[in-house]
Protein backbone atom coordinates (compact mmCIF):
# COMPACT_ATOMS: atom_id res chain seq x y z
CA MET A 1 0.00 0.00 0.00
CA THR A 2 1.37 3.44 -0.91
CA ARG A 3 2.12 6.17 1.58
CA LEU A 4 -0.77 8.17 0.11
CA ALA A 5 -3.20 5.29 0.70
CA TYR A 6 -2.04 4.90 4.29
CA ALA A 7 -2.47 8.62 4.83
CA ILE A 8 -6.03 8.58 3.44
CA LEU A 9 -6.93 5.50 5.53
CA GLY A 10 -5.51 7.09 8.66
CA ALA A 11 -7.40 10.30 8.10
CA SER A 12 -10.66 8.40 7.57
CA ALA A 13 -10.16 6.40 10.75
CA PHE A 14 -9.48 9.63 12.68
CA SER A 15 -12.66 11.24 11.34
CA LEU A 16 -14.82 8.25 12.23
CA ALA A 17 -13.32 8.02 15.70
CA ALA A 18 -14.01 11.70 16.27
CA LEU A 19 -17.73 11.47 15.45
CA PRO A 20 -18.84 9.70 18.65
CA ALA A 21 -16.88 12.17 20.75
CA MET A 22 -18.62 15.08 19.00
CA ALA A 23 -22.02 13.48 19.54
CA GLN A 24 -21.30 12.79 23.19
CA SER A 25 -20.49 16.47 23.70
CA GLN A 26 -24.06 17.44 22.85
CA PRO A 27 -26.52 18.04 25.76
CA VAL A 28 -28.76 15.11 24.80
CA ALA A 29 -30.18 12.80 27.45
CA TRP A 30 -33.04 11.09 25.63
CA SER A 31 -35.61 11.52 22.87
CA PRO A 32 -37.52 14.85 22.91
CA GLY A 33 -40.73 12.87 23.16
CA TYR A 34 -39.69 11.07 26.32
CA VAL A 35 -42.22 10.83 29.13
CA GLY A 36 -41.17 8.93 32.22
CA ALA A 37 -39.26 9.19 35.47
CA CYS A 38 -36.10 11.14 36.10
CA GLY A 39 -36.40 11.80 39.82
CA GLU A 40 -33.24 13.21 41.40
CA CYS A 41 -31.40 13.18 38.06
CA ASP A 42 -29.08 16.01 37.06
CA LEU A 43 -30.26 17.97 34.01
CA SER A 44 -28.50 21.20 34.95
CA GLY A 45 -27.74 23.29 31.90
CA LYS A 46 -29.30 20.75 29.52
CA ASN A 47 -31.19 21.85 26.43
CA LEU A 48 -34.74 20.48 26.70
CA THR A 49 -36.32 23.15 24.51
CA GLY A 50 -39.53 21.94 22.89
CA TRP A 51 -39.54 18.56 24.62
CA THR A 52 -42.67 16.73 25.74
CA LEU A 53 -42.50 15.96 29.47
CA THR A 54 -46.24 15.68 30.07
CA GLY A 55 -47.06 13.59 33.15
CA GLY A 56 -43.40 12.80 33.83
CA ASN A 57 -41.81 12.55 37.26
CA TYR A 58 -38.89 14.93 37.84
CA SER A 59 -39.17 15.30 41.61
CA LYS A 60 -35.92 16.45 43.23
CA ALA A 61 -34.32 16.76 39.78
CA ARG A 62 -31.58 19.32 39.25
CA LEU A 63 -32.60 21.73 36.49
CA ASP A 64 -30.47 24.76 37.30
CA TYR A 65 -29.86 26.85 34.17
CA ALA A 66 -31.69 24.27 32.03
CA PHE A 67 -33.16 25.47 28.72
CA MET A 68 -36.83 24.43 28.76
CA ARG A 69 -38.51 26.96 26.48
CA GLY A 70 -41.85 25.75 25.18
CA VAL A 71 -41.73 22.36 26.91
CA GLN A 72 -45.00 20.47 27.17
CA ALA A 73 -45.12 19.45 30.83
CA GLY A 74 -48.76 19.49 31.85
CA GLY A 75 -49.35 17.42 34.99
CA ALA A 76 -45.62 16.77 35.43
CA ASN A 77 -44.13 16.37 38.90
CA PHE A 78 -41.31 18.84 39.71
CA GLU A 79 -41.74 18.74 43.49
CA ASN A 80 -38.61 19.81 45.39
CA ALA A 81 -36.71 20.26 42.12
CA GLU A 82 -33.80 22.71 41.88
CA ALA A 83 -34.44 24.95 38.86
CA ASN A 84 -32.60 28.17 39.67
CA SER A 85 -32.30 30.45 36.62
CA ALA A 86 -33.96 27.83 34.40
CA ASP A 87 -35.45 29.17 31.16
CA MET A 88 -39.05 27.93 30.87
CA ARG A 89 -40.47 30.75 28.78
CA GLY A 90 -43.71 29.76 27.06
CA ALA A 91 -43.79 26.33 28.72
CA ILE A 92 -47.10 24.48 29.16
CA LEU A 93 -47.24 23.60 32.85
CA THR A 94 -50.97 23.23 33.40
CA SER A 95 -51.65 21.37 36.68
CA ALA A 96 -47.92 20.67 37.10
CA ARG A 97 -46.55 20.23 40.63
CA PHE A 98 -43.74 22.47 41.87
CA SER A 99 -44.36 22.37 45.62
CA GLY A 100 -41.12 22.85 47.55
CA ALA A 101 -39.19 23.55 44.34
CA THR A 102 -36.57 26.28 43.97
CA LEU A 103 -37.09 28.62 41.00
CA SER A 104 -35.05 31.63 42.05
CA GLY A 105 -34.26 33.82 39.07
CA ALA A 106 -36.15 31.48 36.71
CA ARG A 107 -37.45 32.86 33.42
CA LEU A 108 -41.13 31.93 33.38
CA GLN A 109 -42.54 34.57 31.05
CA GLY A 110 -45.71 33.51 29.29
CA ILE A 111 -45.96 30.08 30.92
CA GLN A 112 -49.39 28.45 30.99
CA ALA A 113 -49.69 27.04 34.49
CA SER A 114 -53.35 27.28 35.45
CA GLY A 115 -54.12 24.98 38.36
CA ALA A 116 -50.43 24.32 39.01
CA ASP A 117 -49.17 23.68 42.55
CA PHE A 118 -46.43 26.10 43.66
CA ARG A 119 -46.88 25.70 47.42
CA SER A 120 -43.78 26.70 49.42
CA THR A 121 -41.89 27.32 46.19
CA LYS A 122 -38.83 29.58 46.46
CA ALA A 123 -39.04 31.83 43.41
CA GLN A 124 -37.32 35.03 44.51
CA GLY A 125 -36.53 37.30 41.59
CA SER A 126 -38.26 35.04 39.08
CA ASN A 127 -39.88 36.49 35.96
CA LEU A 128 -43.56 35.60 35.51
CA GLN A 129 -44.51 38.40 33.14
CA GLY A 130 -47.67 37.56 31.20
CA ALA A 131 -47.95 34.13 32.84
CA LEU A 132 -51.33 32.38 32.94
CA LEU A 133 -51.72 31.18 36.54
CA VAL A 134 -55.48 31.04 37.00
CA GLY A 135 -56.34 29.01 40.09
CA ALA A 136 -52.70 28.21 40.82
CA ASN A 137 -51.69 27.45 44.42
CA PHE A 138 -48.93 29.72 45.75
CA ALA A 139 -49.61 29.17 49.46
CA SER A 140 -46.50 30.07 51.49
CA ALA A 141 -44.52 30.62 48.27
CA ASP A 142 -41.69 33.15 48.27
CA LEU A 143 -42.02 35.48 45.28
CA THR A 144 -40.02 38.32 46.79
CA GLY A 145 -38.77 40.72 44.14
CA SER A 146 -40.42 38.77 41.33
CA PHE A 147 -41.61 40.32 38.06
CA MET A 148 -45.29 39.58 37.45
CA GLU A 149 -46.47 42.34 35.13
CA ALA A 150 -49.67 41.40 33.27
CA ALA A 151 -49.75 37.93 34.83
CA ASP A 152 -53.20 36.42 35.44
CA LEU A 153 -53.62 34.92 38.92
CA SER A 154 -57.41 35.06 39.04
CA GLY A 155 -58.71 32.75 41.75
CA ALA A 156 -55.20 31.84 42.87
CA ASN A 157 -54.35 30.82 46.43
CA LEU A 158 -51.67 33.15 47.80
CA THR A 159 -52.27 32.59 51.52
CA GLY A 160 -49.11 33.28 53.47
CA GLY A 161 -47.28 34.11 50.26
CA TRP A 162 -44.39 36.55 50.04
CA LEU A 163 -44.60 39.21 47.30
CA ASN A 164 -42.57 41.91 49.00
CA GLU A 165 -41.02 44.33 46.49
CA ALA A 166 -42.58 42.35 43.64
CA ILE A 167 -43.58 44.19 40.47
CA LEU A 168 -47.28 43.42 39.98
CA SER A 169 -48.17 46.22 37.57
CA GLY A 170 -51.08 45.25 35.36
CA ALA A 171 -51.41 41.81 36.96
CA VAL A 172 -54.84 40.31 37.65
CA PHE A 173 -55.62 38.82 41.08
CA ASN A 174 -59.42 38.89 40.87
CA GLY A 175 -61.00 36.53 43.39
CA ALA A 176 -57.65 35.42 44.76
CA ASN A 177 -57.20 34.50 48.42
CA MET A 178 -54.40 36.65 49.88
CA THR A 179 -54.97 35.88 53.55
CA GLY A 180 -51.72 36.47 55.42
CA ALA A 181 -49.95 37.56 52.22
CA ASN A 182 -47.03 40.00 52.35
CA LEU A 183 -46.93 42.75 49.72
CA ARG A 184 -44.67 45.31 51.38
CA ARG A 185 -43.34 47.83 48.87
CA ALA A 186 -44.87 45.88 45.98
CA GLN A 187 -45.67 47.88 42.83
CA VAL A 188 -49.34 47.48 41.91
CA ALA A 189 -50.20 50.28 39.46
CA ASN A 190 -52.97 49.15 37.07
CA ALA A 191 -53.25 45.78 38.82
CA SER A 192 -56.68 44.33 39.59
CA PHE A 193 -57.53 42.94 43.03
CA ARG A 194 -61.29 42.66 42.65
CA ASP A 195 -62.97 40.59 45.39
CA VAL A 196 -59.63 39.68 46.99
CA ARG A 197 -59.57 38.81 50.68
CA PHE A 198 -56.64 40.53 52.41
CA ILE A 199 -57.24 39.09 55.89
CA ASP A 200 -54.15 39.52 58.14
CA ALA A 201 -52.18 40.72 55.10
CA ASP A 202 -49.34 43.26 55.07
CA LEU A 203 -49.73 45.88 52.34
CA SER A 204 -47.57 48.53 53.97
CA GLU A 205 -45.71 50.92 51.65
CA LEU A 206 -47.64 49.54 48.70
CA GLU A 207 -46.74 51.55 45.60
CA GLY A 208 -49.35 52.64 43.06
CA SER A 209 -52.38 51.47 45.05
CA GLU A 210 -54.30 54.58 43.97
CA LEU A 211 -54.05 53.34 40.37
CA ALA A 212 -55.08 49.75 41.14
CA ASP A 213 -58.59 48.26 41.16
CA PHE A 214 -59.69 47.05 44.62
CA ASP A 215 -63.42 46.87 43.85
CA GLY A 216 -65.05 44.31 46.14
CA ALA A 217 -61.80 43.60 48.03
CA CYS A 218 -61.85 43.40 51.81
CA ALA A 219 -59.51 43.26 54.80
CA SER A 220 -59.45 42.49 58.52
CA LEU A 221 -58.66 44.69 61.52
CA SER A 222 -55.15 43.23 61.59
CA THR A 223 -54.49 44.01 57.93
CA ILE A 224 -51.78 46.64 57.41
CA LEU A 225 -52.77 49.11 54.69
CA PRO A 226 -50.94 52.06 53.14
CA ASP A 227 -52.23 55.58 53.77
CA SER A 228 -53.70 55.73 50.28
CA LEU A 229 -55.94 52.70 50.68
CA ASN A 230 -59.08 51.97 52.69
CA LEU A 231 -60.83 48.62 52.46
CA PRO A 232 -64.03 47.37 54.11
CA LEU A 233 -63.87 44.57 56.63
CA CYS A 234 -64.52 41.19 55.13
CA ASP A 235 -68.16 40.25 55.58
CA VAL A 236 -69.00 43.62 57.19
CA THR A 237 -69.34 47.19 55.95
CA THR A 238 -66.94 48.89 58.36
CA THR A 239 -63.86 50.48 56.81
CA VAL A 240 -60.37 49.51 57.98
CA ALA A 241 -58.41 52.54 59.11
CA SER A 242 -55.19 53.27 57.24
CA ASN A 243 -51.86 52.99 59.05
């Protein structure tokens, strides 16, 4: 065999050997249509964009910095998952479970998560702009400093939730239960709180309350209100004095 032939053969062998290494370098774990169990697995930084995860079990999974834009994950279980700074923009998360999960700094703009369970979720500084969260459960969730402009949380459960310094401009909370909720220094201009129950809630230093809609909302004697806001007592007609 000539030197030229050996050289060509060697180059071909090198190219073929390199292909598996290149493939292995890609962030691929399984087929995009996979639905199953991946509890406690590490998907940090993986690209799951557009995948179908509907009904899957990802409890305690690590999803920090994962790319999950547009995933179909209705009814999926993400309880106690770590998803800090994950990108889930436009994801379908209807009735998904995130109780106890960590979503700090997550990008959740435009998600559809009506009926989802976010109880005790840590989502400080997360972005929920334009999210559809009708009837979602945020009891005891920490949404401090979150961005929720134009989000729809009609009928949501926010009892004991933390929304201090959150930006809620243009958001809809009609019929939500905000008993024991904390909204200190939250920005609420053009937000709608129709028929919301603010029993034992802290709304001190609320910003833009004079531009928000509180029609039908009520409070309790222990509710802390800003000077610019008076609300009737829940189930009575007496007005709560401003602090």
